[in-house]
């Protein structure tokens, strides 16, 4: 079985999912992140959301598929953690810009 090869900012995002400070280095300054019906704009808002979500759910993501779609990178991952419905498959829709994540939308 071949390991999944992810673009660097996306690989860094998944590697740092429990470190909001490290995650902040994956995004552009004006990045937009959508998750669970909310939109977070800018590094500080994304860091605050990720810190809260990490503490609350202790979720771990295992990406298993990637494809390109209209200029976006669509990653599917198995996610387990302390939340209702765990484990679940989530879709991560990344738009990259100059080697960083400019937008990310996470959906079920």
Protein backbone atom coordinates (compact mmCIF):
# COMPACT_ATOMS: atom_id res chain seq x y z
CA UNK A 1 0.00 0.00 0.00
CA UNK A 2 1.38 3.41 -1.02
CA UNK A 3 1.47 6.30 1.44
CA UNK A 4 -0.62 9.31 0.51
CA UNK A 5 1.49 12.20 -0.78
CA UNK A 6 0.05 15.57 0.23
CA UNK A 7 1.23 19.06 -0.83
CA UNK A 8 3.49 20.53 1.88
CA UNK A 9 1.05 22.99 3.51
CA UNK A 10 -1.65 20.31 3.66
CA UNK A 11 0.75 17.73 5.12
CA UNK A 12 1.87 20.35 7.69
CA UNK A 13 -1.77 21.07 8.56
CA UNK A 14 -2.51 17.42 9.38
CA UNK A 15 0.83 16.93 11.17
CA UNK A 16 0.10 19.91 13.44
CA UNK A 17 -3.59 19.32 14.13
CA UNK A 18 -3.07 19.43 17.92
CA UNK A 19 -0.76 22.45 17.88
CA UNK A 20 -2.63 25.69 17.07
CA UNK A 21 0.68 27.61 17.00
CA UNK A 22 2.12 25.24 14.39
CA UNK A 23 -1.15 25.28 12.46
CA UNK A 24 -1.00 29.06 12.23
CA UNK A 25 2.16 28.73 10.10
CA UNK A 26 0.21 26.71 7.51
CA UNK A 27 -2.22 29.54 6.64
CA UNK A 28 -1.99 32.92 4.90
CA UNK A 29 -2.59 35.95 7.14
CA UNK A 30 -6.07 36.49 5.64
CA UNK A 31 -7.01 32.80 5.41
CA UNK A 32 -10.62 31.75 5.76
CA UNK A 33 -11.62 28.52 7.47
CA UNK A 34 -15.15 27.10 7.51
CA UNK A 35 -16.09 24.28 9.87
CA UNK A 36 -19.24 23.17 11.65
CA UNK A 37 -21.33 26.02 10.17
CA UNK A 38 -18.94 28.77 11.27
CA UNK A 39 -16.44 30.90 9.38
CA UNK A 40 -13.11 31.97 10.90
CA UNK A 41 -11.14 34.70 9.13
CA UNK A 42 -7.48 35.43 9.85
CA UNK A 43 -4.77 33.61 11.76
CA UNK A 44 -5.91 34.63 15.25
CA UNK A 45 -9.49 33.45 14.69
CA UNK A 46 -8.31 30.16 13.17
CA UNK A 47 -5.81 29.55 16.01
CA UNK A 48 -8.46 30.24 18.66
CA UNK A 49 -10.96 27.90 16.99
CA UNK A 50 -8.39 25.12 16.52
CA UNK A 51 -7.21 25.39 20.14
CA UNK A 52 -10.77 25.11 21.42
CA UNK A 53 -11.66 22.23 19.07
CA UNK A 54 -8.47 20.32 19.91
CA UNK A 55 -9.08 20.62 23.67
CA UNK A 56 -12.75 19.72 23.36
CA UNK A 57 -12.65 16.82 20.86
CA UNK A 58 -9.08 15.44 20.81
CA UNK A 59 -9.72 14.53 17.18
CA UNK A 60 -7.13 12.75 15.08
CA UNK A 61 -7.32 12.82 11.28
CA UNK A 62 -5.91 10.21 8.90
CA UNK A 63 -6.02 11.44 5.28
CA UNK A 64 -6.62 8.63 2.79
CA UNK A 65 -7.47 10.32 -0.52
CA UNK A 66 -6.68 13.51 -2.43
CA UNK A 67 -7.91 14.89 -5.73
CA UNK A 68 -7.88 18.24 -7.54
CA UNK A 69 -11.20 19.96 -8.13
CA UNK A 70 -11.58 23.39 -9.77
CA UNK A 71 -8.33 24.75 -8.33
CA UNK A 72 -8.89 23.17 -4.92
CA UNK A 73 -7.26 20.18 -3.26
CA UNK A 74 -9.96 17.90 -1.85
CA UNK A 75 -8.68 15.60 0.91
CA UNK A 76 -10.80 12.94 2.56
CA UNK A 77 -9.81 11.73 6.01
CA UNK A 78 -10.96 9.35 8.71
CA UNK A 79 -11.43 11.39 11.89
CA UNK A 80 -11.69 9.88 15.36
CA UNK A 81 -12.08 11.67 18.64
CA UNK A 82 -14.27 12.55 21.59
CA UNK A 83 -17.33 13.73 19.64
CA UNK A 84 -20.72 12.28 18.72
CA UNK A 85 -20.57 10.11 15.61
CA UNK A 86 -16.85 9.28 15.90
CA UNK A 87 -15.30 7.91 13.78
CA UNK A 88 -16.38 9.85 10.70
CA UNK A 89 -15.08 10.59 7.20
CA UNK A 90 -14.64 14.33 6.59
CA UNK A 91 -13.78 16.27 3.44
CA UNK A 92 -11.20 19.05 3.60
CA UNK A 93 -11.33 21.49 0.67
CA UNK A 94 -8.05 23.43 0.53
CA UNK A 95 -7.16 26.37 -1.70
CA UNK A 96 -3.44 26.98 -1.69
CA UNK A 97 -1.74 30.31 -2.35
CA UNK A 98 2.05 30.83 -2.50
CA UNK A 99 2.76 27.67 -0.51
CA UNK A 100 0.18 28.34 2.22
CA UNK A 101 -3.47 27.53 2.85
CA UNK A 102 -5.66 30.46 1.74
CA UNK A 103 -8.94 28.73 2.48
CA UNK A 104 -10.15 25.54 4.06
CA UNK A 105 -13.67 24.20 4.25
CA UNK A 106 -14.35 21.07 6.31
CA UNK A 107 -17.55 19.15 5.66
CA UNK A 108 -19.02 15.73 6.42
